[in-house]
Amino acid sequence: MLDYYLDNIALYPFAYVPDLFLLIAVVSGLVNIRYLNQQTRWLLWLVMLSTVIELIMLHYASNYENNHYLINLTSLVETVCLSVIYGLEIENKASRRWIIIGLAGYLITFFYAYKWTQIAEYMIGVQRLLMIFFVILHFQYLLNNMRVPNLLAYTMFWVSAGVMLYASGTLFIFLFVHKTLNNPLPDSDFTWYLGFTRVFTCLFYTIIATSFWLRRREARQTLNSYPSSSEII
């Protein structure tokens, strides 16, 4: 039974490279799960749910069935999880209101533009813009509060950097994906489009995997900063 899946992976090996990085991110999160806070636990939910969707996509691809609608579902998972993550991270009522408004606007677009047989390009374009907006809100919050002594060692800074890189790097490719997929292109051009997207996806999952280890370091430093019982006495 596994032969169908293995044959498909062997036939299109580079198509599954991002899935390998996604799996590494899941393993990284599970290894460090006891050190995760609410934000990074939702980040773990993001990569786990994305893994489930990717496995279903592999099943459909191996049976030569249309799986484009699953890319739309991945967009939904990413947007909802990131909305919760930034809603928990940003302790500012006005920013949280904008996050809720942005999520509501995305959900309206999702239900309006959702397609079962095609990638809903405008919906994913809205998602990418919303992700960039969340990152801007987060960076603004960090600059205004100045609570983080070292940004380069702060987990959520790197999460935001990964989200920004992923969203900005794939925005225009997905925005015009309908035209790309429905117009004949030379194989080299089409491969370039897909490869470009995969590179940014791999970078995104790599940063997420690294973020779980950074969170482990943060949690340990927090524990070490508390005085021991003997010192209190």
Protein backbone atom coordinates (compact mmCIF):
# COMPACT_ATOMS: atom_id res chain seq x y z
CA MET A 1 0.00 0.00 0.00
CA LEU A 2 2.90 2.35 0.77
CA ASP A 3 4.29 1.75 -2.71
CA TYR A 4 1.97 4.37 -4.21
CA TYR A 5 3.23 7.02 -1.79
CA LEU A 6 6.90 6.06 -2.12
CA ASP A 7 6.63 6.05 -5.91
CA ASN A 8 5.12 9.54 -5.85
CA ILE A 9 7.87 10.83 -3.56
CA ALA A 10 10.53 9.20 -5.76
CA LEU A 11 8.97 10.75 -8.86
CA TYR A 12 8.80 14.28 -7.39
CA PRO A 13 11.42 14.35 -4.61
CA PHE A 14 11.90 18.12 -4.52
CA ALA A 15 8.17 18.67 -4.06
CA TYR A 16 8.42 17.03 -0.64
CA VAL A 17 11.52 18.84 0.64
CA PRO A 18 9.36 21.45 2.50
CA ASP A 19 7.52 18.55 4.15
CA LEU A 20 10.82 17.30 5.54
CA PHE A 21 11.48 20.70 7.10
CA LEU A 22 7.89 20.74 8.40
CA LEU A 23 8.46 17.36 10.05
CA ILE A 24 11.68 18.66 11.64
CA ALA A 25 9.70 21.61 13.06
CA VAL A 26 7.10 19.23 14.54
CA VAL A 27 9.77 17.04 16.14
CA SER A 28 11.53 20.13 17.50
CA GLY A 29 8.28 21.33 19.07
CA LEU A 30 7.45 17.95 20.61
CA VAL A 31 10.96 17.55 22.04
CA ASN A 32 10.68 20.94 23.74
CA ILE A 33 6.95 20.81 24.55
CA ARG A 34 7.37 21.16 28.31
CA TYR A 35 9.21 24.45 27.83
CA LEU A 36 6.63 26.02 25.52
CA ASN A 37 4.41 28.92 26.56
CA GLN A 38 0.94 29.61 25.13
CA GLN A 39 2.27 31.34 22.02
CA THR A 40 4.70 28.60 21.05
CA ARG A 41 2.16 25.87 21.84
CA TRP A 42 -0.10 27.41 19.21
CA LEU A 43 2.91 27.50 16.91
CA LEU A 44 3.25 23.76 17.50
CA TRP A 45 -0.45 23.34 16.66
CA LEU A 46 0.20 25.22 13.42
CA VAL A 47 2.94 22.85 12.25
CA MET A 48 1.12 19.71 13.45
CA LEU A 49 -2.11 20.58 11.66
CA SER A 50 -0.11 21.55 8.57
CA THR A 51 1.55 18.12 8.70
CA VAL A 52 -1.83 16.38 8.77
CA ILE A 53 -2.94 18.39 5.74
CA GLU A 54 0.31 17.59 3.90
CA LEU A 55 -0.21 13.87 4.53
CA ILE A 56 -3.71 14.09 3.07
CA MET A 57 -2.27 15.99 0.09
CA LEU A 58 0.25 13.17 -0.41
CA HIS A 59 -2.60 10.65 -0.37
CA TYR A 60 -4.54 12.56 -3.02
CA ALA A 61 -1.45 13.16 -5.14
CA SER A 62 -0.54 9.47 -5.01
CA ASN A 63 -4.03 8.61 -6.24
CA TYR A 64 -3.91 11.31 -8.95
CA GLU A 65 -6.74 13.31 -7.37
CA ASN A 66 -7.07 17.08 -7.10
CA ASN A 67 -5.64 18.35 -3.81
CA HIS A 68 -5.58 22.11 -4.44
CA TYR A 69 -8.33 22.78 -1.92
CA LEU A 70 -6.02 21.52 0.83
CA ILE A 71 -3.66 24.43 0.16
CA ASN A 72 -6.64 26.67 0.94
CA LEU A 73 -7.13 24.81 4.23
CA THR A 74 -3.45 25.26 5.09
CA SER A 75 -3.99 28.99 4.65
CA LEU A 76 -6.89 28.85 7.13
CA VAL A 77 -4.83 26.93 9.72
CA GLU A 78 -1.89 29.33 9.43
CA THR A 79 -4.07 32.43 9.72
CA VAL A 80 -6.12 31.28 12.71
CA CYS A 81 -3.07 30.00 14.62
CA LEU A 82 -1.04 33.15 13.95
CA SER A 83 -4.00 35.34 14.95
CA VAL A 84 -4.14 33.56 18.31
CA ILE A 85 -0.35 33.70 18.72
CA TYR A 86 -0.15 37.44 18.13
CA GLY A 87 -3.30 38.06 20.14
CA LEU A 88 -1.59 36.38 23.11
CA GLU A 89 1.78 38.02 22.48
CA ILE A 90 0.69 41.65 22.02
CA GLU A 91 -0.63 43.07 25.28
CA ASN A 92 -2.28 46.06 23.67
CA LYS A 93 -6.05 46.38 23.36
CA ALA A 94 -5.97 48.46 20.18
CA SER A 95 -3.61 46.03 18.44
CA ARG A 96 -5.68 43.06 19.56
CA ARG A 97 -8.77 44.72 18.10
CA TRP A 98 -6.96 45.09 14.77
CA ILE A 99 -5.96 41.41 14.91
CA ILE A 100 -9.62 40.41 15.43
CA ILE A 101 -10.75 42.72 12.61
CA GLY A 102 -8.06 41.31 10.32
CA LEU A 103 -9.01 37.73 11.14
CA ALA A 104 -12.71 38.50 10.55
CA GLY A 105 -11.88 40.06 7.17
CA TYR A 106 -9.83 37.02 6.22
CA LEU A 107 -12.61 34.60 7.23
CA ILE A 108 -15.12 36.53 5.12
CA THR A 109 -12.72 36.33 2.17
CA PHE A 110 -12.14 32.63 2.87
CA PHE A 111 -15.81 31.68 2.73
CA TYR A 112 -16.40 33.91 -0.29
CA ALA A 113 -13.37 32.88 -2.36
CA TYR A 114 -12.93 29.24 -1.26
CA LYS A 115 -12.64 26.76 -4.13
CA TRP A 116 -12.73 22.96 -4.07
CA THR A 117 -10.81 22.43 -7.28
CA GLN A 118 -8.44 25.42 -7.41
CA ILE A 119 -6.11 27.44 -5.24
CA ALA A 120 -8.03 30.50 -4.05
CA GLU A 121 -5.31 32.94 -5.01
CA TYR A 122 -6.90 36.14 -3.72
CA MET A 123 -7.72 34.57 -0.39
CA ILE A 124 -4.09 33.49 0.06
CA GLY A 125 -2.99 36.95 -1.06
CA VAL A 126 -5.14 38.45 1.71
CA GLN A 127 -3.62 35.97 4.15
CA ARG A 128 -0.07 36.94 3.24
CA LEU A 129 -0.86 40.65 3.64
CA LEU A 130 -2.50 39.93 7.00
CA MET A 131 0.57 38.01 8.17
CA ILE A 132 2.77 40.98 7.27
CA PHE A 133 0.35 43.26 9.15
CA PHE A 134 0.59 41.04 12.27
CA VAL A 135 4.38 41.23 12.17
CA ILE A 136 4.31 45.04 11.85
CA LEU A 137 1.99 45.22 14.89
CA HIS A 138 4.35 42.96 16.82
CA PHE A 139 7.49 44.91 15.95
CA GLN A 140 5.71 48.15 16.85
CA TYR A 141 4.73 46.62 20.20
CA LEU A 142 8.31 45.54 20.91
CA LEU A 143 9.69 48.98 20.05
CA ASN A 144 7.11 50.82 22.14
CA ASN A 145 7.54 48.67 25.26
CA MET A 146 11.28 47.96 25.13
CA ARG A 147 10.88 44.99 27.47
CA VAL A 148 13.17 42.65 25.57
CA PRO A 149 16.86 43.18 26.44
CA ASN A 150 18.16 41.09 23.52
CA LEU A 151 15.93 40.76 20.46
CA LEU A 152 18.26 38.24 18.80
CA ALA A 153 17.65 35.81 21.67
CA TYR A 154 13.89 36.41 21.83
CA THR A 155 11.73 33.60 20.46
CA MET A 156 8.84 35.67 19.13
CA PHE A 157 11.18 38.06 17.33
CA TRP A 158 12.44 35.15 15.24
CA VAL A 159 8.92 33.82 14.73
CA SER A 160 7.93 37.23 13.36
CA ALA A 161 11.04 37.35 11.18
CA GLY A 162 10.11 33.93 9.76
CA VAL A 163 6.50 34.96 9.16
CA MET A 164 7.60 38.16 7.41
CA LEU A 165 10.08 36.30 5.21
CA TYR A 166 7.54 33.61 4.32
CA ALA A 167 4.65 35.99 3.64
CA SER A 168 6.57 38.60 1.64
CA GLY A 169 8.51 35.98 -0.32
CA THR A 170 5.43 34.09 -1.51
CA LEU A 171 2.86 36.91 -1.72
CA PHE A 172 3.06 37.70 -5.42
CA ILE A 173 3.55 34.09 -6.49
CA PHE A 174 0.26 33.09 -4.87
CA LEU A 175 -1.46 36.30 -5.91
CA PHE A 176 -0.91 35.41 -9.56
CA VAL A 177 -0.95 31.62 -9.17
CA HIS A 178 -4.22 31.27 -11.10
CA LYS A 179 -2.71 32.92 -14.16
CA THR A 180 0.49 30.92 -13.73
CA LEU A 181 -1.26 27.56 -13.51
CA ASN A 182 -3.71 28.23 -16.32
CA ASN A 183 -1.28 29.56 -18.92
CA PRO A 184 1.27 27.45 -20.70
CA LEU A 185 4.74 28.15 -19.36
CA PRO A 186 8.10 26.66 -20.24
CA ASP A 187 8.99 23.89 -17.81
CA SER A 188 11.97 25.88 -16.57
CA ASP A 189 9.76 28.88 -15.70
CA PHE A 190 7.16 26.78 -13.89
CA THR A 191 9.88 24.91 -11.96
CA TRP A 192 11.35 28.28 -10.95
CA TYR A 193 7.98 29.43 -9.56
CA LEU A 194 7.58 26.26 -7.50
CA GLY A 195 11.19 26.20 -6.38
CA PHE A 196 11.03 29.82 -5.25
CA THR A 197 7.99 29.05 -3.09
CA ARG A 198 9.59 25.93 -1.62
CA VAL A 199 12.72 27.81 -0.60
CA PHE A 200 10.74 30.34 1.44
CA THR A 201 8.58 27.58 2.93
CA CYS A 202 11.68 25.67 4.02
CA LEU A 203 13.13 28.81 5.59
CA PHE A 204 9.86 29.41 7.46
CA TYR A 205 9.80 25.91 8.95
CA THR A 206 13.52 26.10 9.77
CA ILE A 207 12.97 29.29 11.76
CA ILE A 208 9.98 27.74 13.55
CA ALA A 209 12.06 24.67 14.47
CA THR A 210 14.82 26.95 15.80
CA SER A 211 12.26 29.02 17.72
CA PHE A 212 11.23 26.01 19.79
CA TRP A 213 14.85 25.60 20.94
CA LEU A 214 15.10 29.31 21.68
CA ARG A 215 11.98 29.01 23.80
CA ARG A 216 13.64 26.13 25.71
CA ARG A 217 16.60 28.43 26.41
CA GLU A 218 14.28 31.25 27.56
CA ALA A 219 12.39 28.94 29.91
CA ARG A 220 15.61 27.64 31.48
CA GLN A 221 16.97 31.14 31.94
CA THR A 222 13.72 32.17 33.64
CA LEU A 223 13.95 29.21 36.04
CA ASN A 224 17.59 29.97 36.82
CA SER A 225 16.76 33.60 37.55
CA TYR A 226 14.51 32.63 40.49
CA PRO A 227 16.29 32.38 43.86
CA SER A 228 16.53 28.89 45.38
CA SER A 229 14.69 28.03 48.60
CA SER A 230 18.00 28.11 50.53
CA GLU A 231 18.71 31.63 49.30
CA ILE A 232 15.24 32.79 50.38
CA ILE A 233 15.77 31.36 53.87
